[in-house]
Every structure is written in C-alpha cells, then in structure tokens.
Amino acid sequence: MWSAIADPCVIAVRVGPVEHDGARVFDASDPAVRVLRGSVHEHLLVDRDDMAIRLDVIVGTVLAGQVSLRFDLPDDHHLEAQLAAIRAFTSAVPPGRRHLQLARRVHALHATDARDDGASLREIADLVLGPGEWPGDGEYRKSMVRRMLASGDQMRRDGPRAILSGRLSPPDRSTQSRQRNRGDAC
C-alpha cells in the first residue's frame, strides 16, 4: 500500500458526489483504475499516459460510481511534488499521441498478418514501413520489424480489449528469440 503521509507523490483526495454539471467526474470502473482497499482507506492506482498515479482516499469511497474528487494539499515542502502529480493526473492525453499509439498497434498487427501469410522480414518492412534500404543502418528496419512482430503476437495473446485500451502485457522474450532463430534473416 502507499500513503500520502509517507510519499509526497501520492495524492490525498476527498471523494464526494458530483455536485454540478461542470465538475470533473471520476469513475473507478474505468479499466485504467485499480482500487485497493486498506484497513482504513482506499488506495487507487491510475494508469495515465504511461504513468502510474497513486491516490489515497482519505474521505468517502470511489466505489459508489461516478464521483467528484477534491485534492487535499497541505502547504509544506512537498507542495510542488504534489502539484506535479495532480497536473499529471488531470492532464488529458493529447489526441495525436493516442492516434500514434493506435497506428503503431495496427502496424504491428499488419506485420503479424503478413508473416502468417509467408512474408519475409524484408517484405514485411516494405509493406508496413514503405520501401527502404535493407536491413537499414545498424539493422534498424530489421529490428523494428522484429519488435512489431513481438508486439503483434503479444496483442493477439492479450485480446481485443487490451489492444483498444492500451493495457498490453510486456512482450514475451522467449517469443522474440524464437522469431530470431526461425531463419527469418531476410
């Protein structure tokens, strides 16, 4: 568990009902939110833009559905760290970045489809990345295709919900080494 008392990067929050239309709504049923119940408080782990933000619920409960959060900030030497954590929590992920992440996932799935259809690494690179030198400076293109294949295989194992939510498991290293040793040199 974590506590706002012990760690300045943990944000203490008071939870209440949503009181007006302009209020930000927080919903703990979001797949990016994990709730841990401690002996006294609820502790939240929120995945935001590849960051894990920790919240310490000191009053109320987030399990009541859509709620409003109020940050509890003491004016002490930890104020700047807590404000930075709140900024990270409240900032929205820029839409361009979400589209870029989704495009990378689509490319990785295209790469695995091409491999399953019998394409070589070089052919996959030309198909997904466009024409270019093979294998590229420092084998850049070959390495990128291998990473795409590992990512695509992992997405297939994790399923569609993980793909669309962005909560993918790390690639299985044994799969990557099998791909390298399969004879896909080109």
N, C-alpha and C. Protein backbone atom coordinates (compact mmCIF):
# COMPACT_ATOMS: atom_id res chain seq x y z
N MET A 1 0.84 -1.18 0.00
CA MET A 1 0.00 0.00 0.00
C MET A 1 0.89 1.24 0.00
N TRP A 2 0.28 2.36 -0.25
CA TRP A 2 1.00 3.62 -0.24
C TRP A 2 0.18 4.62 0.53
N SER A 3 0.84 5.69 0.93
CA SER A 3 0.15 6.69 1.73
C SER A 3 0.66 8.07 1.38
N ALA A 4 -0.25 9.04 1.33
CA ALA A 4 0.14 10.42 1.07
C ALA A 4 0.97 10.97 2.22
N ILE A 5 0.85 10.38 3.39
CA ILE A 5 1.64 10.83 4.54
C ILE A 5 3.11 10.49 4.34
N ALA A 6 3.38 9.32 3.76
CA ALA A 6 4.76 8.86 3.61
C ALA A 6 5.41 9.26 2.29
N ASP A 7 4.61 9.44 1.25
CA ASP A 7 5.16 9.70 -0.09
C ASP A 7 4.51 10.94 -0.68
N PRO A 8 5.29 11.99 -0.97
CA PRO A 8 4.70 13.22 -1.49
C PRO A 8 4.10 13.08 -2.89
N CYS A 9 4.44 12.02 -3.61
CA CYS A 9 3.87 11.82 -4.95
C CYS A 9 2.51 11.15 -4.91
N VAL A 10 2.10 10.71 -3.74
CA VAL A 10 0.76 10.15 -3.58
C VAL A 10 -0.18 11.31 -3.26
N ILE A 11 -1.29 11.39 -3.97
CA ILE A 11 -2.22 12.50 -3.81
C ILE A 11 -3.34 12.08 -2.87
N ALA A 12 -3.54 12.85 -1.80
CA ALA A 12 -4.65 12.61 -0.88
C ALA A 12 -5.90 13.25 -1.47
N VAL A 13 -7.00 12.50 -1.51
CA VAL A 13 -8.25 13.02 -2.08
C VAL A 13 -9.42 12.77 -1.14
N ARG A 14 -10.38 13.67 -1.22
CA ARG A 14 -11.67 13.51 -0.55
C ARG A 14 -12.68 13.26 -1.67
N VAL A 15 -13.51 12.27 -1.48
CA VAL A 15 -14.46 11.85 -2.51
C VAL A 15 -15.86 12.25 -2.09
N GLY A 16 -16.61 12.80 -3.04
CA GLY A 16 -17.99 13.18 -2.78
C GLY A 16 -18.82 13.03 -4.03
N PRO A 17 -20.10 13.31 -3.91
CA PRO A 17 -20.97 13.21 -5.09
C PRO A 17 -20.65 14.33 -6.08
N VAL A 18 -20.98 14.10 -7.33
CA VAL A 18 -20.82 15.14 -8.36
C VAL A 18 -21.92 16.16 -8.11
N GLU A 19 -21.51 17.41 -7.84
CA GLU A 19 -22.49 18.41 -7.40
C GLU A 19 -23.02 19.31 -8.50
N HIS A 20 -22.27 19.51 -9.59
CA HIS A 20 -22.76 20.38 -10.65
C HIS A 20 -22.27 19.88 -12.00
N ASP A 21 -22.88 20.40 -13.06
CA ASP A 21 -22.60 19.91 -14.40
C ASP A 21 -21.16 20.12 -14.84
N GLY A 22 -20.49 21.17 -14.40
CA GLY A 22 -19.14 21.47 -14.84
C GLY A 22 -18.06 20.70 -14.09
N ALA A 23 -18.44 19.94 -13.09
CA ALA A 23 -17.45 19.23 -12.27
C ALA A 23 -16.84 18.07 -13.04
N ARG A 24 -15.58 17.82 -12.79
CA ARG A 24 -14.93 16.63 -13.36
C ARG A 24 -15.51 15.39 -12.69
N VAL A 25 -15.74 14.39 -13.49
CA VAL A 25 -16.31 13.15 -12.97
C VAL A 25 -15.22 12.09 -12.96
N PHE A 26 -15.12 11.38 -11.86
CA PHE A 26 -14.17 10.28 -11.74
C PHE A 26 -14.96 9.00 -11.60
N ASP A 27 -14.56 7.98 -12.36
CA ASP A 27 -15.26 6.70 -12.32
C ASP A 27 -14.23 5.59 -12.12
N ALA A 28 -14.29 4.93 -10.98
CA ALA A 28 -13.32 3.88 -10.65
C ALA A 28 -13.53 2.61 -11.46
N SER A 29 -14.62 2.52 -12.22
CA SER A 29 -14.84 1.33 -13.04
C SER A 29 -14.04 1.39 -14.35
N ASP A 30 -13.39 2.52 -14.59
CA ASP A 30 -12.52 2.66 -15.77
C ASP A 30 -11.43 1.59 -15.71
N PRO A 31 -11.12 0.93 -16.83
CA PRO A 31 -10.10 -0.12 -16.81
C PRO A 31 -8.71 0.38 -16.41
N ALA A 32 -8.47 1.69 -16.48
CA ALA A 32 -7.17 2.24 -16.12
C ALA A 32 -7.04 2.46 -14.61
N VAL A 33 -8.09 2.16 -13.85
CA VAL A 33 -8.10 2.40 -12.41
C VAL A 33 -8.12 1.08 -11.65
N ARG A 34 -7.22 0.95 -10.70
CA ARG A 34 -7.24 -0.20 -9.80
C ARG A 34 -7.46 0.29 -8.39
N VAL A 35 -8.39 -0.32 -7.69
CA VAL A 35 -8.73 0.08 -6.32
C VAL A 35 -8.25 -0.99 -5.36
N LEU A 36 -7.48 -0.56 -4.36
CA LEU A 36 -7.06 -1.46 -3.29
C LEU A 36 -7.68 -0.95 -2.00
N ARG A 37 -8.32 -1.83 -1.27
CA ARG A 37 -8.93 -1.42 -0.01
C ARG A 37 -7.99 -1.74 1.13
N GLY A 38 -7.61 -0.69 1.85
CA GLY A 38 -6.77 -0.86 3.02
C GLY A 38 -7.64 -1.00 4.25
N SER A 39 -7.02 -1.07 5.41
CA SER A 39 -7.79 -1.21 6.64
C SER A 39 -8.57 0.06 6.96
N VAL A 40 -8.07 1.22 6.53
CA VAL A 40 -8.73 2.49 6.83
C VAL A 40 -9.19 3.22 5.56
N HIS A 41 -8.36 3.21 4.53
CA HIS A 41 -8.63 3.99 3.32
C HIS A 41 -8.64 3.10 2.08
N GLU A 42 -9.15 3.68 0.99
CA GLU A 42 -8.99 3.08 -0.34
C GLU A 42 -7.75 3.70 -0.97
N HIS A 43 -7.06 2.89 -1.72
CA HIS A 43 -5.86 3.35 -2.42
C HIS A 43 -6.09 3.07 -3.91
N LEU A 44 -5.83 4.07 -4.74
CA LEU A 44 -6.08 3.94 -6.17
C LEU A 44 -4.77 4.01 -6.93
N LEU A 45 -4.69 3.19 -7.95
CA LEU A 45 -3.58 3.24 -8.90
C LEU A 45 -4.22 3.53 -10.25
N VAL A 46 -3.87 4.68 -10.83
CA VAL A 46 -4.48 5.13 -12.08
C VAL A 46 -3.40 5.19 -13.15
N ASP A 47 -3.62 4.45 -14.24
CA ASP A 47 -2.68 4.49 -15.37
C ASP A 47 -3.07 5.65 -16.26
N ARG A 48 -2.17 6.62 -16.38
CA ARG A 48 -2.40 7.78 -17.24
C ARG A 48 -1.18 8.00 -18.10
N ASP A 49 -1.33 7.88 -19.39
CA ASP A 49 -0.27 8.22 -20.33
C ASP A 49 1.06 7.59 -19.93
N ASP A 50 1.04 6.29 -19.71
CA ASP A 50 2.23 5.52 -19.33
C ASP A 50 2.80 5.91 -17.97
N MET A 51 2.00 6.52 -17.13
CA MET A 51 2.41 6.85 -15.77
C MET A 51 1.44 6.18 -14.81
N ALA A 52 1.94 5.76 -13.67
CA ALA A 52 1.08 5.23 -12.62
C ALA A 52 0.93 6.32 -11.56
N ILE A 53 -0.28 6.80 -11.39
CA ILE A 53 -0.55 7.86 -10.41
C ILE A 53 -1.29 7.23 -9.25
N ARG A 54 -0.81 7.51 -8.05
CA ARG A 54 -1.39 6.90 -6.86
C ARG A 54 -2.20 7.92 -6.08
N LEU A 55 -3.40 7.51 -5.69
CA LEU A 55 -4.28 8.36 -4.90
C LEU A 55 -4.60 7.66 -3.59
N ASP A 56 -4.70 8.44 -2.55
CA ASP A 56 -5.04 7.95 -1.22
C ASP A 56 -6.38 8.57 -0.85
N VAL A 57 -7.46 7.78 -0.81
CA VAL A 57 -8.79 8.30 -0.49
C VAL A 57 -8.89 8.43 1.02
N ILE A 58 -8.95 9.68 1.50
CA ILE A 58 -8.98 9.90 2.95
C ILE A 58 -10.40 10.11 3.48
N VAL A 59 -11.33 10.49 2.58
CA VAL A 59 -12.74 10.65 2.96
C VAL A 59 -13.59 10.15 1.80
N GLY A 60 -14.59 9.32 2.10
CA GLY A 60 -15.52 8.83 1.09
C GLY A 60 -15.03 7.55 0.43
N THR A 61 -15.72 7.19 -0.65
CA THR A 61 -15.38 5.98 -1.40
C THR A 61 -15.58 6.22 -2.89
N VAL A 62 -14.69 5.64 -3.68
CA VAL A 62 -14.83 5.73 -5.14
C VAL A 62 -15.68 4.59 -5.68
N LEU A 63 -16.06 3.67 -4.81
CA LEU A 63 -16.84 2.51 -5.24
C LEU A 63 -18.33 2.82 -5.41
N ALA A 64 -18.71 4.07 -5.18
CA ALA A 64 -20.12 4.47 -5.26
C ALA A 64 -20.53 4.85 -6.67
N GLY A 65 -19.68 4.66 -7.66
CA GLY A 65 -20.00 5.04 -9.04
C GLY A 65 -19.26 6.32 -9.41
N GLN A 66 -19.92 7.16 -10.20
CA GLN A 66 -19.29 8.41 -10.62
C GLN A 66 -19.28 9.38 -9.44
N VAL A 67 -18.08 9.89 -9.16
CA VAL A 67 -17.89 10.77 -8.01
C VAL A 67 -17.05 11.98 -8.41
N SER A 68 -16.90 12.88 -7.49
CA SER A 68 -16.06 14.05 -7.66
C SER A 68 -14.90 13.94 -6.66
N LEU A 69 -13.70 14.31 -7.11
CA LEU A 69 -12.53 14.25 -6.25
C LEU A 69 -12.13 15.66 -5.84
N ARG A 70 -11.73 15.81 -4.59
CA ARG A 70 -11.17 17.07 -4.09
C ARG A 70 -9.80 16.76 -3.52
N PHE A 71 -8.80 17.45 -4.04
CA PHE A 71 -7.43 17.19 -3.62
C PHE A 71 -7.16 17.85 -2.28
N ASP A 72 -6.51 17.14 -1.40
CA ASP A 72 -6.17 17.63 -0.06
C ASP A 72 -4.67 17.93 -0.05
N LEU A 73 -4.32 19.23 -0.10
CA LEU A 73 -2.92 19.62 -0.22
C LEU A 73 -2.46 20.48 0.96
N PRO A 74 -1.59 19.94 1.78
CA PRO A 74 -1.01 20.81 2.83
C PRO A 74 0.05 21.73 2.20
N ASP A 75 0.16 22.93 2.73
CA ASP A 75 1.16 23.89 2.25
C ASP A 75 2.47 23.62 2.99
N ASP A 76 3.23 22.65 2.45
CA ASP A 76 4.51 22.30 3.07
C ASP A 76 5.57 22.12 1.99
N HIS A 77 6.71 21.56 2.34
CA HIS A 77 7.81 21.42 1.39
C HIS A 77 7.53 20.37 0.30
N HIS A 78 6.45 19.62 0.39
CA HIS A 78 6.08 18.64 -0.63
C HIS A 78 5.07 19.19 -1.65
N LEU A 79 4.68 20.46 -1.49
CA LEU A 79 3.61 21.02 -2.31
C LEU A 79 3.93 20.94 -3.81
N GLU A 80 5.12 21.28 -4.23
CA GLU A 80 5.46 21.24 -5.65
C GLU A 80 5.37 19.83 -6.23
N ALA A 81 5.85 18.84 -5.49
CA ALA A 81 5.77 17.44 -5.96
C ALA A 81 4.32 17.01 -6.09
N GLN A 82 3.49 17.41 -5.14
CA GLN A 82 2.09 17.02 -5.21
C GLN A 82 1.36 17.75 -6.35
N LEU A 83 1.69 19.01 -6.56
CA LEU A 83 1.08 19.73 -7.68
C LEU A 83 1.47 19.09 -9.02
N ALA A 84 2.72 18.65 -9.13
CA ALA A 84 3.15 17.97 -10.36
C ALA A 84 2.37 16.67 -10.56
N ALA A 85 2.15 15.94 -9.48
CA ALA A 85 1.37 14.69 -9.57
C ALA A 85 -0.08 14.99 -9.97
N ILE A 86 -0.65 16.06 -9.43
CA ILE A 86 -2.02 16.44 -9.79
C ILE A 86 -2.10 16.87 -11.25
N ARG A 87 -1.10 17.62 -11.72
CA ARG A 87 -1.08 18.01 -13.13
C ARG A 87 -1.05 16.79 -14.04
N ALA A 88 -0.23 15.80 -13.67
CA ALA A 88 -0.16 14.57 -14.47
C ALA A 88 -1.50 13.84 -14.45
N PHE A 89 -2.16 13.84 -13.30
CA PHE A 89 -3.44 13.15 -13.16
C PHE A 89 -4.55 13.84 -13.96
N THR A 90 -4.57 15.16 -13.94
CA THR A 90 -5.68 15.89 -14.57
C THR A 90 -5.44 16.20 -16.04
N SER A 91 -4.20 16.10 -16.50
CA SER A 91 -3.95 16.42 -17.91
C SER A 91 -4.45 15.29 -18.79
N ALA A 92 -5.10 15.68 -19.84
CA ALA A 92 -5.60 14.69 -20.79
C ALA A 92 -4.47 14.29 -21.72
N VAL A 93 -4.50 13.07 -22.19
CA VAL A 93 -3.52 12.61 -23.17
C VAL A 93 -3.84 13.32 -24.48
N PRO A 94 -2.85 13.98 -25.09
CA PRO A 94 -3.13 14.65 -26.35
C PRO A 94 -3.66 13.67 -27.40
N PRO A 95 -4.71 14.05 -28.13
CA PRO A 95 -5.31 13.12 -29.09
C PRO A 95 -4.31 12.60 -30.12
N GLY A 96 -3.37 13.41 -30.53
CA GLY A 96 -2.39 12.97 -31.52
C GLY A 96 -1.59 11.79 -31.02
N ARG A 97 -1.25 11.78 -29.75
CA ARG A 97 -0.47 10.69 -29.20
C ARG A 97 -1.28 9.39 -29.17
N ARG A 98 -2.55 9.49 -28.80
CA ARG A 98 -3.40 8.29 -28.80
C ARG A 98 -3.49 7.71 -30.20
N HIS A 99 -3.63 8.58 -31.20
CA HIS A 99 -3.71 8.09 -32.58
C HIS A 99 -2.40 7.44 -33.01
N LEU A 100 -1.29 8.01 -32.58
CA LEU A 100 0.02 7.45 -32.91
C LEU A 100 0.17 6.06 -32.29
N GLN A 101 -0.24 5.91 -31.03
CA GLN A 101 -0.16 4.61 -30.37
C GLN A 101 -1.04 3.59 -31.08
N LEU A 102 -2.24 3.99 -31.46
CA LEU A 102 -3.14 3.09 -32.16
C LEU A 102 -2.57 2.71 -33.53
N ALA A 103 -1.97 3.68 -34.21
CA ALA A 103 -1.36 3.39 -35.52
C ALA A 103 -0.23 2.37 -35.37
N ARG A 104 0.57 2.49 -34.32
CA ARG A 104 1.64 1.52 -34.09
C ARG A 104 1.08 0.13 -33.86
N ARG A 105 -0.01 0.06 -33.11
CA ARG A 105 -0.63 -1.25 -32.87
C ARG A 105 -1.16 -1.85 -34.17
N VAL A 106 -1.77 -1.02 -35.00
CA VAL A 106 -2.29 -1.50 -36.29
C VAL A 106 -1.15 -2.00 -37.16
N HIS A 107 -0.03 -1.26 -37.22
CA HIS A 107 1.13 -1.70 -38.00
C HIS A 107 1.65 -3.04 -37.48
N ALA A 108 1.70 -3.19 -36.17
CA ALA A 108 2.19 -4.45 -35.60
C ALA A 108 1.28 -5.61 -35.98
N LEU A 109 -0.02 -5.38 -35.97
CA LEU A 109 -0.95 -6.44 -36.37
C LEU A 109 -0.84 -6.75 -37.86
N HIS A 110 -0.64 -5.72 -38.69
CA HIS A 110 -0.41 -5.95 -40.12
C HIS A 110 0.86 -6.78 -40.33
N ALA A 111 1.89 -6.48 -39.55
CA ALA A 111 3.15 -7.22 -39.68
C ALA A 111 2.95 -8.70 -39.34
N THR A 112 2.21 -8.99 -38.28
CA THR A 112 1.98 -10.40 -37.92
C THR A 112 1.13 -11.10 -38.98
N ASP A 113 0.15 -10.39 -39.53
CA ASP A 113 -0.65 -10.98 -40.61
C ASP A 113 0.22 -11.32 -41.82
N ALA A 114 1.11 -10.39 -42.18
CA ALA A 114 1.99 -10.63 -43.33
C ALA A 114 2.92 -11.81 -43.06
N ARG A 115 3.45 -11.91 -41.86
CA ARG A 115 4.32 -13.04 -41.52
C ARG A 115 3.55 -14.35 -41.62
N ASP A 116 2.32 -14.34 -41.12
CA ASP A 116 1.50 -15.55 -41.17
C ASP A 116 1.17 -15.95 -42.61
N ASP A 117 1.17 -14.97 -43.53
CA ASP A 117 0.94 -15.25 -44.95
C ASP A 117 2.23 -15.64 -45.67
N GLY A 118 3.33 -15.74 -44.93
CA GLY A 118 4.58 -16.22 -45.52
C GLY A 118 5.58 -15.15 -45.91
N ALA A 119 5.33 -13.89 -45.58
CA ALA A 119 6.25 -12.82 -45.96
C ALA A 119 7.52 -12.87 -45.12
N SER A 120 8.63 -12.50 -45.74
CA SER A 120 9.91 -12.42 -45.02
C SER A 120 9.96 -11.10 -44.26
N LEU A 121 10.96 -10.97 -43.39
CA LEU A 121 11.12 -9.72 -42.64
C LEU A 121 11.27 -8.54 -43.60
N ARG A 122 12.03 -8.72 -44.65
CA ARG A 122 12.24 -7.65 -45.63
C ARG A 122 10.93 -7.25 -46.30
N GLU A 123 10.14 -8.23 -46.71
CA GLU A 123 8.86 -7.95 -47.34
C GLU A 123 7.91 -7.25 -46.37
N ILE A 124 7.94 -7.66 -45.10
CA ILE A 124 7.10 -7.01 -44.09
C ILE A 124 7.52 -5.56 -43.92
N ALA A 125 8.83 -5.31 -43.88
CA ALA A 125 9.32 -3.93 -43.75
C ALA A 125 8.83 -3.08 -44.91
N ASP A 126 8.93 -3.58 -46.12
CA ASP A 126 8.48 -2.82 -47.29
C ASP A 126 6.97 -2.57 -47.24
N LEU A 127 6.22 -3.56 -46.79
CA LEU A 127 4.77 -3.44 -46.72
C LEU A 127 4.34 -2.44 -45.64
N VAL A 128 4.90 -2.56 -44.45
CA VAL A 128 4.44 -1.76 -43.32
C VAL A 128 5.14 -0.41 -43.24
N LEU A 129 6.45 -0.38 -43.48
CA LEU A 129 7.23 0.85 -43.33
C LEU A 129 7.42 1.59 -44.64
N GLY A 130 7.15 0.93 -45.74
CA GLY A 130 7.41 1.53 -47.04
C GLY A 130 8.79 1.09 -47.53
N PRO A 131 9.09 1.36 -48.79
CA PRO A 131 10.37 0.93 -49.34
C PRO A 131 11.54 1.62 -48.63
N GLY A 132 12.63 0.90 -48.54
CA GLY A 132 13.82 1.45 -47.92
C GLY A 132 14.97 0.47 -48.00
N GLU A 133 16.14 0.92 -47.55
CA GLU A 133 17.32 0.04 -47.58
C GLU A 133 17.14 -1.11 -46.60
N TRP A 134 17.65 -2.25 -46.98
CA TRP A 134 17.55 -3.43 -46.11
C TRP A 134 18.93 -3.88 -45.74
N PRO A 135 19.22 -4.16 -44.52
CA PRO A 135 18.34 -4.12 -43.35
C PRO A 135 18.29 -2.75 -42.68
N GLY A 136 18.90 -1.75 -43.32
CA GLY A 136 18.91 -0.39 -42.75
C GLY A 136 20.17 -0.18 -41.93
N ASP A 137 20.49 1.08 -41.66
CA ASP A 137 21.67 1.40 -40.85
C ASP A 137 21.55 0.72 -39.50
N GLY A 138 22.57 -0.05 -39.13
CA GLY A 138 22.54 -0.76 -37.84
C GLY A 138 21.42 -1.76 -37.76
N GLU A 139 20.98 -2.25 -38.90
CA GLU A 139 19.85 -3.19 -38.99
C GLU A 139 18.59 -2.61 -38.36
N TYR A 140 18.43 -1.30 -38.51
CA TYR A 140 17.30 -0.58 -37.93
C TYR A 140 15.96 -1.15 -38.40
N ARG A 141 15.78 -1.31 -39.70
CA ARG A 141 14.50 -1.79 -40.22
C ARG A 141 14.20 -3.22 -39.76
N LYS A 142 15.24 -4.05 -39.78
CA LYS A 142 15.05 -5.44 -39.35
C LYS A 142 14.65 -5.49 -37.87
N SER A 143 15.32 -4.70 -37.06
CA SER A 143 15.00 -4.67 -35.62
C SER A 143 13.58 -4.15 -35.39
N MET A 144 13.20 -3.11 -36.15
CA MET A 144 11.86 -2.57 -35.98
C MET A 144 10.79 -3.60 -36.34
N VAL A 145 11.01 -4.33 -37.41
CA VAL A 145 10.04 -5.35 -37.81
C VAL A 145 9.96 -6.44 -36.74
N ARG A 146 11.09 -6.84 -36.20
CA ARG A 146 11.07 -7.86 -35.14
C ARG A 146 10.29 -7.36 -33.92
N ARG A 147 10.48 -6.09 -33.56
CA ARG A 147 9.73 -5.53 -32.42
C ARG A 147 8.23 -5.49 -32.74
N MET A 148 7.89 -5.12 -33.99
CA MET A 148 6.48 -5.11 -34.39
C MET A 148 5.87 -6.51 -34.27
N LEU A 149 6.61 -7.51 -34.72
CA LEU A 149 6.10 -8.88 -34.66
C LEU A 149 5.90 -9.33 -33.22
N ALA A 150 6.84 -9.00 -32.36
CA ALA A 150 6.71 -9.37 -30.94
C ALA A 150 5.50 -8.66 -30.34
N SER A 151 5.33 -7.39 -30.66
CA SER A 151 4.19 -6.63 -30.15
C SER A 151 2.87 -7.17 -30.71
N GLY A 152 2.85 -7.46 -32.00
CA GLY A 152 1.64 -8.02 -32.62
C GLY A 152 1.25 -9.37 -32.03
N ASP A 153 2.25 -10.22 -31.81
CA ASP A 153 1.97 -11.53 -31.19
C ASP A 153 1.41 -11.34 -29.78
N GLN A 154 1.99 -10.39 -29.03
CA GLN A 154 1.51 -10.15 -27.66
C GLN A 154 0.08 -9.61 -27.68
N MET A 155 -0.22 -8.73 -28.64
CA MET A 155 -1.59 -8.21 -28.73
C MET A 155 -2.58 -9.33 -29.03
N ARG A 156 -2.18 -10.23 -29.89
CA ARG A 156 -3.07 -11.37 -30.20
C ARG A 156 -3.33 -12.20 -28.95
N ARG A 157 -2.28 -12.41 -28.13
CA ARG A 157 -2.46 -13.17 -26.90
C ARG A 157 -3.33 -12.41 -25.90
N ASP A 158 -3.15 -11.08 -25.81
CA ASP A 158 -3.90 -10.28 -24.83
C ASP A 158 -5.35 -10.07 -25.21
N GLY A 159 -5.65 -10.04 -26.52
CA GLY A 159 -7.03 -9.89 -26.98
C GLY A 159 -7.41 -8.47 -27.32
N PRO A 160 -8.60 -8.31 -27.92
CA PRO A 160 -9.01 -7.00 -28.44
C PRO A 160 -9.19 -5.93 -27.36
N ARG A 161 -9.69 -6.30 -26.20
CA ARG A 161 -9.92 -5.29 -25.16
C ARG A 161 -8.61 -4.64 -24.73
N ALA A 162 -7.57 -5.45 -24.57
CA ALA A 162 -6.26 -4.91 -24.19
C ALA A 162 -5.69 -4.03 -25.30
N ILE A 163 -5.91 -4.41 -26.54
CA ILE A 163 -5.41 -3.63 -27.67
C ILE A 163 -6.03 -2.24 -27.67
N LEU A 164 -7.35 -2.19 -27.54
CA LEU A 164 -8.03 -0.90 -27.62
C LEU A 164 -7.82 -0.04 -26.38
N SER A 165 -7.65 -0.66 -25.22
CA SER A 165 -7.44 0.12 -24.00
C SER A 165 -5.99 0.54 -23.83
N GLY A 166 -5.08 -0.14 -24.55
CA GLY A 166 -3.66 0.20 -24.41
C GLY A 166 -2.99 -0.49 -23.25
N ARG A 167 -3.67 -1.42 -22.59
CA ARG A 167 -3.11 -2.11 -21.43
C ARG A 167 -2.58 -3.47 -21.87
N LEU A 168 -1.44 -3.43 -22.53
CA LEU A 168 -0.86 -4.64 -23.07
C LEU A 168 0.19 -5.20 -22.13
N SER A 169 0.31 -6.51 -22.12
CA SER A 169 1.36 -7.16 -21.35
C SER A 169 2.69 -6.92 -22.04
N PRO A 170 3.79 -6.95 -21.28
CA PRO A 170 5.09 -6.83 -21.95
C PRO A 170 5.33 -8.01 -22.87
N PRO A 171 6.09 -7.81 -23.96
CA PRO A 171 6.33 -8.91 -24.90
C PRO A 171 7.03 -10.07 -24.21
N ASP A 172 6.69 -11.26 -24.65
CA ASP A 172 7.29 -12.49 -24.15
C ASP A 172 8.66 -12.65 -24.80
N ARG A 173 9.72 -12.60 -24.02
CA ARG A 173 11.09 -12.66 -24.56
C ARG A 173 11.37 -13.97 -25.27
N SER A 174 10.76 -15.06 -24.84
CA SER A 174 11.01 -16.34 -25.50
C SER A 174 10.46 -16.33 -26.92
N THR A 175 9.35 -15.60 -27.15
CA THR A 175 8.79 -15.48 -28.49
C THR A 175 9.74 -14.72 -29.39
N GLN A 176 10.34 -13.64 -28.86
CA GLN A 176 11.26 -12.85 -29.67
C GLN A 176 12.47 -13.68 -30.08
N SER A 177 13.02 -14.47 -29.17
CA SER A 177 14.21 -15.25 -29.54
C SER A 177 13.84 -16.38 -30.50
N ARG A 178 12.63 -16.95 -30.40
CA ARG A 178 12.20 -17.97 -31.36
C ARG A 178 12.10 -17.36 -32.75
N GLN A 179 11.60 -16.12 -32.84
CA GLN A 179 11.48 -15.46 -34.14
C GLN A 179 12.86 -15.25 -34.75
N ARG A 180 13.83 -14.83 -33.96
CA ARG A 180 15.17 -14.58 -34.48
C ARG A 180 15.82 -15.86 -34.95
N ASN A 181 15.54 -16.96 -34.25
CA ASN A 181 16.19 -18.23 -34.57
C ASN A 181 15.44 -19.03 -35.62
N ARG A 182 14.32 -18.54 -36.09
CA ARG A 182 13.50 -19.26 -37.05
C ARG A 182 14.07 -19.24 -38.46
N GLY A 183 15.07 -18.40 -38.67
CA GLY A 183 15.64 -18.34 -40.01
C GLY A 183 15.07 -17.19 -40.82
N ASP A 184 14.44 -16.21 -40.16
CA ASP A 184 13.89 -15.05 -40.86
C ASP A 184 14.99 -14.01 -41.07
N ALA A 185 16.08 -14.38 -41.67
CA ALA A 185 17.21 -13.47 -41.83
C ALA A 185 16.90 -12.37 -42.82
N CYS A 186 15.97 -12.55 -43.70
CA CYS A 186 15.68 -11.52 -44.71
C CYS A 186 14.30 -11.00 -44.56
